[in-house]
Amino acid sequence: MATTVKNINVKMTKLNADVLTPITVFLRLEGDKKFLLESSLKHNEQGRYSFIGVNPIKEITAEGAIAKVISAEGKVLLEDAGLPLKTLQDVLPKVEANLPFPFYGGAVGYVGYDAIRQYADIGTALEDEIGMPDIHFLVYEDVIVFDHLAQSIYILAINLEGNRSEEQLASRVMEIESQIFQGKVDETLTACEIEFQPQLEKEEFMARIKKAKDYVVSGEVEQVVLSQRMSGKVKADPFHFYRVLRNSNPSPYMFFVDFGNYVVLGASPESFIKSKGQKMSTNPIAGTRRRGRTEEEDKALAVELLSDEKELSEHRMLIDLSREDMGKICDPETIRVVKEMKIEYYRHVMHIVSELEGTLGEGKTGIDALIACLPAGTVSGSPKVRAMQIINELEDVKRGVYSGALGYVNANGDVDFALAIRSLVIKDGRAYLQAGAGIVHDSKAELEYKETINKANGLLKARRM
């Protein structure tokens, strides 16, 4: 069990960031399975840092109950049957580098929606249309950190597993520095056409919305979040699409992770789980309107949203769900709502957002918090298990990364995961996106259908730019 925290060796160099951007550095960096985590909120503490990594030393994947640890060379180092997220927790060495950054090495990846099948009986697994693991993490020892407030860049090489010498660490830092200053790349943005086609015809999806509503009206559930998938052929470089997306739909959580045979990218508005030491937080989002065409219309839509009892009721339910989930791993008396039903604005939509905080119980970790809260009520419904059983009945394929969580587990055990919505999977020349709507007692099928389109709109617009 990787529970002992120990200090590790690290080599670091600091650079001025006035002529470099995360995009430039990512493009110039040489190697495989690169990732970029960044935020549109670069001028405040929440979005202060961007992270880039390359050449993971190993991978952790899981399909169903079987977890595998795979070396950089592709050798299976460990195969374990049980609870895959516990395998992730046990395999990662827990170390401390005494650095101010929230991430300086560790695991980057996702926990897909279908991973919950190992913790709850929600029905037989659906067809795996895309063909991707339920859980996939890449473990990095070399990381580039942008500190946007300080206008600085830090190149880090850490000795995560104790097998790198001081000389090797120093050499790696120098090698990365050389690449990001001397590499040459074409940074031109060109058209990025993808013609997305919905998996279901509008009438069929609306019929399923009505079936979900029948379950609500009968009293079996309070809400079911039903989603639809769209897909299309793509010829452009996946990172090119990410660059277009970040320009067209800037968001608090923007991510690009190359897993080798597929890529996950996105621009999520929602922090799912964050932990630092024994403190954790979660941010339920529910309630959506499009952005107004004018400032006056924008304000009117915000007032309308905060006056919509359906939206408010749904949001209160999600606050209660979050409190219930946190109660599984936090000291109950420490759980509190620190931000309640505030409007947050994004490029294409506005949402009602809240935030809850709590203190993890003795022996509990950020990964325990992730397990306890999966999946977010925002993307499942209430009560969760019955809602997920209905989702399993009304949807045709596994959700994959959509409505799971994507982020990092830092080397010291801290975590930061975004809700994997407004996300795109690109594999074998095809792009997949998914969006959902919360079905409640007074839902109207046409409006719920439009909500899925509004939520997908950032990605749909990006594909035309």
Protein backbone atom coordinates (compact mmCIF):
# COMPACT_ATOMS: atom_id res chain seq x y z
CA MET A 1 0.00 0.00 0.00
CA ALA A 2 1.42 3.37 -1.04
CA THR A 3 0.52 5.28 2.11
CA THR A 4 3.89 6.49 3.41
CA VAL A 5 4.77 10.03 2.36
CA LYS A 6 8.46 10.55 1.71
CA ASN A 7 10.48 13.40 0.27
CA ILE A 8 11.98 12.93 -3.18
CA ASN A 9 14.72 14.49 -5.23
CA VAL A 10 13.71 17.05 -7.83
CA LYS A 11 15.58 19.18 -10.34
CA MET A 12 13.97 22.40 -11.45
CA THR A 13 14.78 25.44 -13.53
CA LYS A 14 12.80 28.67 -13.73
CA LEU A 15 12.25 30.58 -16.97
CA ASN A 16 10.58 33.83 -17.93
CA ALA A 17 7.21 33.22 -19.58
CA ASP A 18 6.89 36.49 -21.48
CA VAL A 19 7.61 34.94 -24.90
CA LEU A 20 6.22 31.45 -24.38
CA THR A 21 2.68 30.09 -24.15
CA PRO A 22 1.41 26.65 -23.12
CA ILE A 23 0.48 26.02 -26.76
CA THR A 24 3.96 26.90 -28.02
CA VAL A 25 5.67 24.75 -25.41
CA PHE A 26 3.33 21.81 -26.02
CA LEU A 27 4.01 21.91 -29.75
CA ARG A 28 7.78 22.15 -29.32
CA LEU A 29 8.04 19.44 -26.68
CA GLU A 30 9.26 16.15 -28.13
CA GLY A 31 7.96 12.78 -27.03
CA ASP A 32 4.90 10.59 -26.69
CA LYS A 33 1.57 10.75 -24.86
CA LYS A 34 1.70 14.43 -24.05
CA PHE A 35 -0.90 16.21 -21.94
CA LEU A 36 -1.93 19.82 -21.38
CA LEU A 37 -4.14 20.96 -18.49
CA GLU A 38 -5.04 24.64 -18.38
CA SER A 39 -7.79 27.13 -17.53
CA SER A 40 -9.35 30.24 -19.01
CA LEU A 41 -9.13 31.79 -15.51
CA LYS A 42 -5.42 32.55 -15.78
CA HIS A 43 -5.61 35.85 -13.93
CA ASN A 44 -6.88 34.48 -10.63
CA GLU A 45 -5.80 31.75 -8.25
CA GLN A 46 -8.18 29.13 -9.64
CA GLY A 47 -6.57 29.16 -13.08
CA ARG A 48 -3.10 30.25 -12.06
CA TYR A 49 -1.25 27.17 -13.31
CA SER A 50 -1.06 25.27 -16.58
CA PHE A 51 0.60 21.84 -16.69
CA ILE A 52 2.31 20.00 -19.53
CA GLY A 53 3.85 16.53 -19.44
CA VAL A 54 5.41 14.01 -21.80
CA ASN A 55 6.72 10.43 -21.89
CA PRO A 56 4.86 8.74 -19.00
CA ILE A 57 6.84 6.11 -17.13
CA LYS A 58 3.83 3.78 -16.85
CA GLU A 59 0.09 3.51 -17.37
CA ILE A 60 -2.77 2.28 -15.23
CA THR A 61 -5.84 1.01 -17.07
CA ALA A 62 -8.99 -0.82 -16.05
CA GLU A 63 -11.79 -2.53 -17.90
CA GLY A 64 -14.49 -3.87 -15.64
CA ALA A 65 -12.89 -5.24 -12.47
CA ILE A 66 -9.50 -5.91 -14.09
CA ALA A 67 -6.82 -3.26 -13.57
CA LYS A 68 -3.42 -3.37 -15.27
CA VAL A 69 -0.19 -1.50 -14.64
CA ILE A 70 1.78 -1.23 -17.89
CA SER A 71 5.39 -0.09 -18.35
CA ALA A 72 6.45 2.57 -20.84
CA GLU A 73 7.61 -0.28 -23.08
CA GLY A 74 4.17 -1.91 -23.01
CA LYS A 75 4.95 -4.73 -20.56
CA VAL A 76 2.19 -5.66 -18.09
CA LEU A 77 3.77 -5.17 -14.65
CA LEU A 78 0.68 -6.00 -12.60
CA GLU A 79 -2.80 -7.35 -13.25
CA ASP A 80 -5.29 -7.06 -10.42
CA ALA A 81 -8.94 -8.07 -10.08
CA GLY A 82 -10.95 -6.08 -7.59
CA LEU A 83 -11.66 -2.37 -7.26
CA PRO A 84 -9.58 -0.57 -9.92
CA LEU A 85 -9.43 2.83 -8.21
CA LYS A 86 -7.96 1.17 -5.14
CA THR A 87 -5.32 -0.32 -7.43
CA LEU A 88 -4.50 3.19 -8.65
CA GLN A 89 -4.19 4.36 -5.05
CA ASP A 90 -1.99 1.43 -4.05
CA VAL A 91 0.33 1.60 -7.07
CA LEU A 92 1.13 5.31 -6.95
CA PRO A 93 4.03 6.10 -4.62
CA LYS A 94 2.96 8.85 -2.25
CA VAL A 95 5.78 11.37 -2.11
CA GLU A 96 6.33 15.03 -1.26
CA ALA A 97 8.58 17.37 -3.21
CA ASN A 98 7.98 20.49 -1.08
CA LEU A 99 6.98 22.59 -4.08
CA PRO A 100 4.29 25.30 -4.22
CA PHE A 101 2.53 23.90 -7.29
CA PRO A 102 -0.62 21.79 -6.94
CA PHE A 103 0.78 19.31 -9.48
CA TYR A 104 4.45 18.46 -9.99
CA GLY A 105 4.27 14.84 -11.13
CA GLY A 106 2.00 11.86 -10.70
CA ALA A 107 -0.99 10.48 -12.60
CA VAL A 108 -3.03 12.28 -15.27
CA GLY A 109 -6.10 10.65 -16.78
CA TYR A 110 -9.74 9.86 -16.35
CA VAL A 111 -12.26 7.71 -14.54
CA GLY A 112 -15.10 6.97 -16.96
CA TYR A 113 -18.77 6.87 -16.04
CA ASP A 114 -18.90 3.08 -16.42
CA ALA A 115 -16.30 2.56 -13.68
CA ILE A 116 -19.20 2.94 -11.23
CA ARG A 117 -20.32 -0.58 -12.20
CA GLN A 118 -17.67 -1.91 -9.81
CA TYR A 119 -19.33 -0.08 -6.92
CA ALA A 120 -23.07 -0.24 -7.74
CA ASP A 121 -25.44 -2.64 -9.50
CA ILE A 122 -26.76 -0.56 -12.39
CA GLY A 123 -27.29 -3.33 -14.94
CA THR A 124 -25.39 -5.20 -17.62
CA ALA A 125 -22.61 -3.24 -19.32
CA LEU A 126 -23.68 -1.66 -22.60
CA GLU A 127 -21.91 -1.88 -25.96
CA ASP A 128 -18.45 -0.28 -25.97
CA GLU A 129 -18.81 1.65 -29.22
CA ILE A 130 -15.55 3.61 -28.92
CA GLY A 131 -13.35 0.90 -27.41
CA MET A 132 -11.57 2.67 -24.54
CA PRO A 133 -10.80 1.61 -20.95
CA ASP A 134 -13.17 2.47 -18.12
CA ILE A 135 -10.17 4.01 -16.32
CA HIS A 136 -6.92 5.22 -17.86
CA PHE A 137 -4.08 7.11 -16.16
CA LEU A 138 -0.59 8.02 -17.34
CA VAL A 139 2.15 8.52 -14.72
CA TYR A 140 4.63 11.35 -15.32
CA GLU A 141 7.97 12.30 -13.77
CA ASP A 142 8.70 15.27 -16.07
CA VAL A 143 6.34 18.25 -15.92
CA ILE A 144 6.34 21.85 -17.16
CA VAL A 145 4.42 24.29 -14.96
CA PHE A 146 3.23 27.72 -16.14
CA ASP A 147 2.60 30.17 -13.29
CA HIS A 148 0.50 32.77 -15.09
CA LEU A 149 0.29 35.19 -12.17
CA ALA A 150 4.08 35.27 -11.73
CA GLN A 151 4.74 35.08 -15.49
CA SER A 152 7.14 32.19 -14.90
CA ILE A 153 7.74 28.70 -16.26
CA TYR A 154 9.20 25.84 -14.22
CA ILE A 155 10.69 22.73 -15.77
CA LEU A 156 10.59 19.85 -13.28
CA ALA A 157 12.14 16.41 -13.29
CA ILE A 158 11.33 14.35 -10.21
CA ASN A 159 12.60 11.00 -8.98
CA LEU A 160 9.16 9.49 -8.44
CA GLU A 161 10.22 5.85 -8.20
CA GLY A 162 13.75 6.29 -6.86
CA ASN A 163 15.62 5.10 -9.96
CA ARG A 164 16.93 8.38 -11.42
CA SER A 165 20.27 9.89 -10.43
CA GLU A 166 20.88 13.58 -9.77
CA GLU A 167 22.75 13.74 -13.08
CA GLN A 168 19.85 12.17 -14.98
CA LEU A 169 17.37 14.62 -13.48
CA ALA A 170 19.56 17.62 -14.33
CA SER A 171 20.16 16.34 -17.86
CA ARG A 172 16.45 15.88 -18.46
CA VAL A 173 15.66 19.44 -17.36
CA MET A 174 18.31 20.79 -19.75
CA GLU A 175 16.97 18.64 -22.58
CA ILE A 176 13.43 19.96 -22.14
CA GLU A 177 14.65 23.56 -21.92
CA SER A 178 16.53 23.13 -25.19
CA GLN A 179 13.44 21.75 -26.92
CA ILE A 180 11.08 24.52 -25.90
CA PHE A 181 13.45 27.28 -27.00
CA GLN A 182 14.90 25.73 -30.14
CA GLY A 183 12.03 23.67 -31.52
CA LYS A 184 10.24 24.95 -34.62
CA VAL A 185 6.56 24.33 -35.27
CA ASP A 186 3.79 25.59 -37.52
CA GLU A 187 1.37 27.41 -35.23
CA THR A 188 -1.11 28.42 -37.96
CA LEU A 189 -4.78 27.66 -37.28
CA THR A 190 -6.82 26.53 -40.28
CA ALA A 191 -10.37 25.26 -40.82
CA CYS A 192 -11.36 22.19 -38.79
CA GLU A 193 -14.45 20.61 -40.33
CA ILE A 194 -16.29 17.78 -38.59
CA GLU A 195 -19.85 16.90 -39.57
CA PHE A 196 -21.33 15.43 -36.40
CA GLN A 197 -24.30 13.10 -36.72
CA PRO A 198 -26.51 12.22 -33.72
CA GLN A 199 -26.71 8.58 -32.72
CA LEU A 200 -30.51 8.86 -32.54
CA GLU A 201 -33.08 10.77 -34.55
CA LYS A 202 -34.61 13.68 -32.65
CA GLU A 203 -37.98 11.93 -32.36
CA GLU A 204 -36.40 8.77 -30.91
CA PHE A 205 -34.38 10.71 -28.33
CA MET A 206 -37.48 12.69 -27.31
CA ALA A 207 -39.39 9.41 -26.92
CA ARG A 208 -36.71 8.23 -24.51
CA ILE A 209 -36.96 11.51 -22.63
CA LYS A 210 -40.68 10.81 -22.20
CA LYS A 211 -39.92 7.30 -20.89
CA ALA A 212 -37.49 8.78 -18.37
CA LYS A 213 -40.16 11.27 -17.32
CA ASP A 214 -42.61 8.40 -16.78
CA TYR A 215 -40.22 6.98 -14.17
CA VAL A 216 -40.11 10.39 -12.47
CA VAL A 217 -43.90 10.81 -12.51
CA SER A 218 -44.34 7.31 -11.05
CA GLY A 219 -42.15 8.31 -8.11
CA GLU A 220 -39.25 5.91 -8.76
CA VAL A 221 -36.76 8.78 -9.14
CA GLU A 222 -36.63 12.54 -8.72
CA GLN A 223 -34.46 13.06 -11.79
CA VAL A 224 -32.76 11.12 -14.59
CA VAL A 225 -29.99 12.67 -16.70
CA LEU A 226 -30.38 11.27 -20.19
CA SER A 227 -27.69 11.90 -22.80
CA GLN A 228 -27.22 11.56 -26.52
CA ARG A 229 -24.04 10.90 -28.48
CA MET A 230 -22.91 12.50 -31.73
CA SER A 231 -19.97 11.47 -33.88
CA GLY A 232 -18.26 12.35 -37.13
CA LYS A 233 -15.17 11.81 -39.23
CA VAL A 234 -12.20 14.04 -38.48
CA LYS A 235 -9.05 14.55 -40.52
CA ALA A 236 -7.40 17.39 -38.60
CA ASP A 237 -4.71 16.89 -35.96
CA PRO A 238 -6.58 16.44 -32.63
CA PHE A 239 -4.46 19.13 -30.98
CA HIS A 240 -5.48 21.51 -33.74
CA PHE A 241 -9.12 20.91 -32.80
CA TYR A 242 -8.25 21.56 -29.14
CA ARG A 243 -6.67 24.90 -30.05
CA VAL A 244 -9.81 25.93 -31.92
CA LEU A 245 -11.99 24.80 -29.00
CA ARG A 246 -10.03 26.73 -26.36
CA ASN A 247 -10.42 29.88 -28.47
CA SER A 248 -14.12 29.40 -29.20
CA ASN A 249 -15.18 28.07 -25.78
CA PRO A 250 -12.75 29.13 -23.01
CA SER A 251 -13.57 27.32 -19.76
CA PRO A 252 -12.24 26.86 -16.21
CA TYR A 253 -11.04 23.33 -17.03
CA MET A 254 -9.46 22.79 -20.46
CA PHE A 255 -7.62 19.57 -21.21
CA PHE A 256 -5.85 17.60 -23.91
CA VAL A 257 -4.51 14.13 -23.12
CA ASP A 258 -2.96 11.85 -25.74
CA PHE A 259 -3.36 8.26 -24.54
CA GLY A 260 -1.60 6.82 -27.59
CA ASN A 261 -4.33 5.21 -29.66
CA TYR A 262 -6.93 7.85 -28.78
CA VAL A 263 -7.15 11.41 -27.49
CA VAL A 264 -9.45 13.04 -24.94
CA LEU A 265 -9.89 16.81 -25.09
CA GLY A 266 -12.40 19.25 -23.75
CA ALA A 267 -13.46 22.47 -22.06
CA SER A 268 -15.44 21.71 -18.91
CA PRO A 269 -17.13 24.32 -16.73
CA GLU A 270 -17.30 22.13 -13.64
CA SER A 271 -14.84 21.16 -10.94
CA PHE A 272 -15.90 17.70 -9.81
CA ILE A 273 -13.54 16.84 -6.94
CA LYS A 274 -10.60 18.72 -5.51
CA SER A 275 -8.55 17.81 -2.46
CA LYS A 276 -5.56 19.39 -0.73
CA GLY A 277 -4.33 17.56 2.31
CA GLN A 278 -7.49 16.54 4.17
CA LYS A 279 -9.65 19.32 2.72
CA MET A 280 -11.93 18.51 -0.22
CA SER A 281 -14.49 20.39 -2.29
CA THR A 282 -17.03 19.74 -5.03
CA ASN A 283 -18.96 22.10 -7.30
CA PRO A 284 -22.42 21.00 -8.43
CA ILE A 285 -23.67 22.76 -11.55
CA ALA A 286 -27.31 22.59 -12.64
CA GLY A 287 -29.49 25.10 -14.41
CA THR A 288 -28.61 26.31 -17.89
CA ARG A 289 -29.51 29.14 -20.24
CA ARG A 290 -27.89 30.25 -23.46
CA ARG A 291 -25.97 33.53 -23.39
CA GLY A 292 -27.88 36.62 -24.47
CA ARG A 293 -27.19 38.41 -27.72
CA THR A 294 -27.01 41.72 -25.83
CA GLU A 295 -26.09 42.69 -22.27
CA GLU A 296 -29.75 43.38 -21.49
CA GLU A 297 -30.86 39.99 -22.80
CA ASP A 298 -28.03 38.32 -20.86
CA LYS A 299 -29.22 39.90 -17.61
CA ALA A 300 -32.83 38.98 -18.36
CA LEU A 301 -31.89 35.35 -19.00
CA ALA A 302 -29.94 35.23 -15.72
CA VAL A 303 -32.96 36.59 -13.80
CA GLU A 304 -35.20 34.09 -15.60
CA LEU A 305 -32.85 31.23 -14.69
CA LEU A 306 -32.77 32.15 -11.00
CA SER A 307 -36.58 32.44 -11.04
CA ASP A 308 -37.17 29.04 -12.64
CA GLU A 309 -38.42 26.76 -9.87
CA LYS A 310 -37.67 23.63 -11.93
CA GLU A 311 -34.02 24.66 -12.27
CA LEU A 312 -33.76 25.72 -8.63
CA SER A 313 -35.35 22.50 -7.40
CA GLU A 314 -32.95 20.46 -9.51
CA HIS A 315 -29.99 22.41 -8.16
CA ARG A 316 -31.06 22.01 -4.53
CA MET A 317 -31.36 18.28 -5.12
CA LEU A 318 -27.77 18.20 -6.41
CA ILE A 319 -26.52 20.09 -3.36
CA ASP A 320 -28.21 17.46 -1.19
CA LEU A 321 -26.66 14.66 -3.27
CA SER A 322 -23.21 16.21 -2.91
CA ARG A 323 -23.67 16.54 0.84
CA GLU A 324 -24.76 12.89 1.02
CA ASP A 325 -21.76 11.71 -1.03
CA MET A 326 -19.32 13.77 1.03
CA GLY A 327 -20.81 12.29 4.19
CA LYS A 328 -19.37 8.92 3.18
CA ILE A 329 -15.77 10.13 3.53
CA CYS A 330 -15.86 13.46 5.41
CA ASP A 331 -16.46 14.29 9.05
CA PRO A 332 -20.17 15.27 8.84
CA GLU A 333 -19.84 18.38 10.99
CA THR A 334 -17.23 19.83 8.59
CA ILE A 335 -19.44 19.72 5.47
CA ARG A 336 -20.77 23.13 4.50
CA VAL A 337 -22.05 25.03 1.47
CA VAL A 338 -19.61 27.88 0.84
CA LYS A 339 -21.19 29.14 -2.39
CA GLU A 340 -24.89 28.66 -3.06
CA MET A 341 -26.68 29.03 -6.39
CA LYS A 342 -24.60 31.72 -8.08
CA ILE A 343 -24.67 32.42 -11.83
CA GLU A 344 -21.43 31.74 -13.71
CA TYR A 345 -21.03 32.83 -17.31
CA TYR A 346 -19.33 30.95 -20.15
CA ARG A 347 -18.92 31.73 -23.83
CA HIS A 348 -22.13 30.03 -24.98
CA VAL A 349 -24.15 29.31 -21.81
CA MET A 350 -24.67 30.36 -18.20
CA HIS A 351 -25.08 27.97 -15.27
CA ILE A 352 -26.19 27.98 -11.63
CA VAL A 353 -23.18 26.90 -9.56
CA SER A 354 -22.63 26.00 -5.89
CA GLU A 355 -19.62 24.79 -3.89
CA LEU A 356 -19.39 22.47 -0.89
CA GLU A 357 -16.35 21.89 1.32
CA GLY A 358 -15.49 19.28 3.93
CA THR A 359 -12.65 17.61 5.82
CA LEU A 360 -11.76 14.05 4.87
CA GLY A 361 -12.00 11.53 7.68
CA GLU A 362 -8.95 9.83 9.15
CA GLY A 363 -7.26 7.58 6.60
CA LYS A 364 -9.33 8.92 3.70
CA THR A 365 -7.71 10.32 0.56
CA GLY A 366 -8.60 12.32 -2.51
CA ILE A 367 -9.11 9.07 -4.43
CA ASP A 368 -11.56 7.94 -1.74
CA ALA A 369 -13.43 11.21 -2.34
CA LEU A 370 -13.48 10.47 -6.07
CA ILE A 371 -14.92 7.00 -5.45
CA ALA A 372 -17.55 8.31 -3.02
CA CYS A 373 -18.84 11.00 -5.37
CA LEU A 374 -18.81 9.13 -8.69
CA PRO A 375 -20.71 9.82 -10.81
CA ALA A 376 -21.74 13.42 -10.19
CA GLY A 377 -25.45 13.87 -9.59
CA THR A 378 -25.28 16.46 -12.36
CA VAL A 379 -24.86 13.68 -14.93
CA SER A 380 -26.80 10.82 -13.33
CA GLY A 381 -29.83 11.89 -11.30
CA SER A 382 -31.41 11.13 -7.93
CA PRO A 383 -31.45 8.74 -6.25
CA LYS A 384 -28.26 7.87 -8.04
CA VAL A 385 -28.41 4.09 -8.31
CA ARG A 386 -31.99 3.90 -9.59
CA ALA A 387 -31.32 6.82 -11.96
CA MET A 388 -28.28 5.01 -13.37
CA GLN A 389 -30.32 1.82 -13.82
CA ILE A 390 -32.80 3.81 -15.92
CA ILE A 391 -29.95 5.37 -17.89
CA ASN A 392 -28.68 1.86 -18.54
CA GLU A 393 -32.12 0.94 -19.91
CA LEU A 394 -32.60 4.02 -22.10
CA GLU A 395 -29.09 4.57 -23.50
CA ASP A 396 -27.57 2.17 -26.03
CA VAL A 397 -23.80 2.42 -25.51
CA LYS A 398 -21.27 2.92 -22.73
CA ARG A 399 -20.69 6.57 -21.97
CA GLY A 400 -16.94 6.16 -21.77
CA VAL A 401 -15.14 9.20 -20.37
CA TYR A 402 -18.27 11.36 -20.77
CA SER A 403 -19.82 12.21 -17.37
CA GLY A 404 -16.88 10.65 -15.56
CA ALA A 405 -13.96 12.74 -14.29
CA LEU A 406 -10.66 13.86 -15.83
CA GLY A 407 -7.73 15.37 -13.98
CA TYR A 408 -4.71 14.48 -11.89
CA VAL A 409 -3.53 12.71 -8.77
CA ASN A 410 -0.49 14.64 -7.60
CA ALA A 411 2.54 12.78 -6.26
CA ASN A 412 1.55 13.79 -2.71
CA GLY A 413 -1.99 12.41 -3.07
CA ASP A 414 -3.84 15.68 -3.73
CA VAL A 415 -6.37 15.49 -6.57
CA ASP A 416 -8.11 17.87 -8.95
CA PHE A 417 -10.71 16.48 -11.35
CA ALA A 418 -13.06 18.20 -13.74
CA LEU A 419 -16.40 16.72 -14.64
CA ALA A 420 -15.86 15.18 -18.09
CA ILE A 421 -18.51 17.10 -19.97
CA ARG A 422 -18.06 19.36 -23.03
CA SER A 423 -15.46 16.75 -23.96
CA LEU A 424 -14.45 14.98 -27.14
CA VAL A 425 -12.85 11.61 -27.80
CA ILE A 426 -10.95 11.19 -31.07
CA LYS A 427 -10.05 7.66 -32.09
CA ASP A 428 -9.30 6.04 -35.45
CA GLY A 429 -10.25 9.16 -37.39
CA ARG A 430 -13.60 9.61 -35.68
CA ALA A 431 -14.69 12.16 -33.08
CA TYR A 432 -17.30 11.45 -30.39
CA LEU A 433 -19.12 13.91 -28.15
CA GLN A 434 -22.05 13.55 -25.76
CA ALA A 435 -24.43 15.86 -23.87
CA GLY A 436 -27.29 15.29 -21.46
CA ALA A 437 -30.33 16.90 -19.86
CA GLY A 438 -31.89 16.40 -16.43
CA ILE A 439 -35.39 14.97 -16.74
CA VAL A 440 -37.75 15.90 -13.88
CA HIS A 441 -41.50 15.93 -13.20
CA ASP A 442 -42.34 18.98 -15.32
CA SER A 443 -39.77 18.44 -18.09
CA LYS A 444 -40.81 19.14 -21.67
CA ALA A 445 -39.16 16.81 -24.19
CA GLU A 446 -38.53 19.53 -26.77
CA LEU A 447 -36.82 21.81 -24.25
CA GLU A 448 -34.70 18.99 -22.82
CA TYR A 449 -33.61 18.03 -26.33
CA LYS A 450 -32.60 21.66 -26.95
CA GLU A 451 -30.62 21.67 -23.69
CA THR A 452 -28.44 18.81 -24.95
CA ILE A 453 -27.80 20.80 -28.14
CA ASN A 454 -26.97 23.98 -26.17
CA LYS A 455 -24.50 22.07 -24.02
CA ALA A 456 -22.82 20.52 -27.05
CA ASN A 457 -22.80 23.86 -28.82
CA GLY A 458 -19.28 24.87 -27.80
CA LEU A 459 -17.86 21.76 -29.43
CA LEU A 460 -20.24 21.99 -32.39
CA LYS A 461 -19.18 25.58 -33.06
CA ALA A 462 -15.49 24.77 -32.69
CA ARG A 463 -15.63 22.18 -35.46
CA ARG A 464 -16.61 24.87 -37.99
CA MET A 465 -13.90 27.42 -37.18
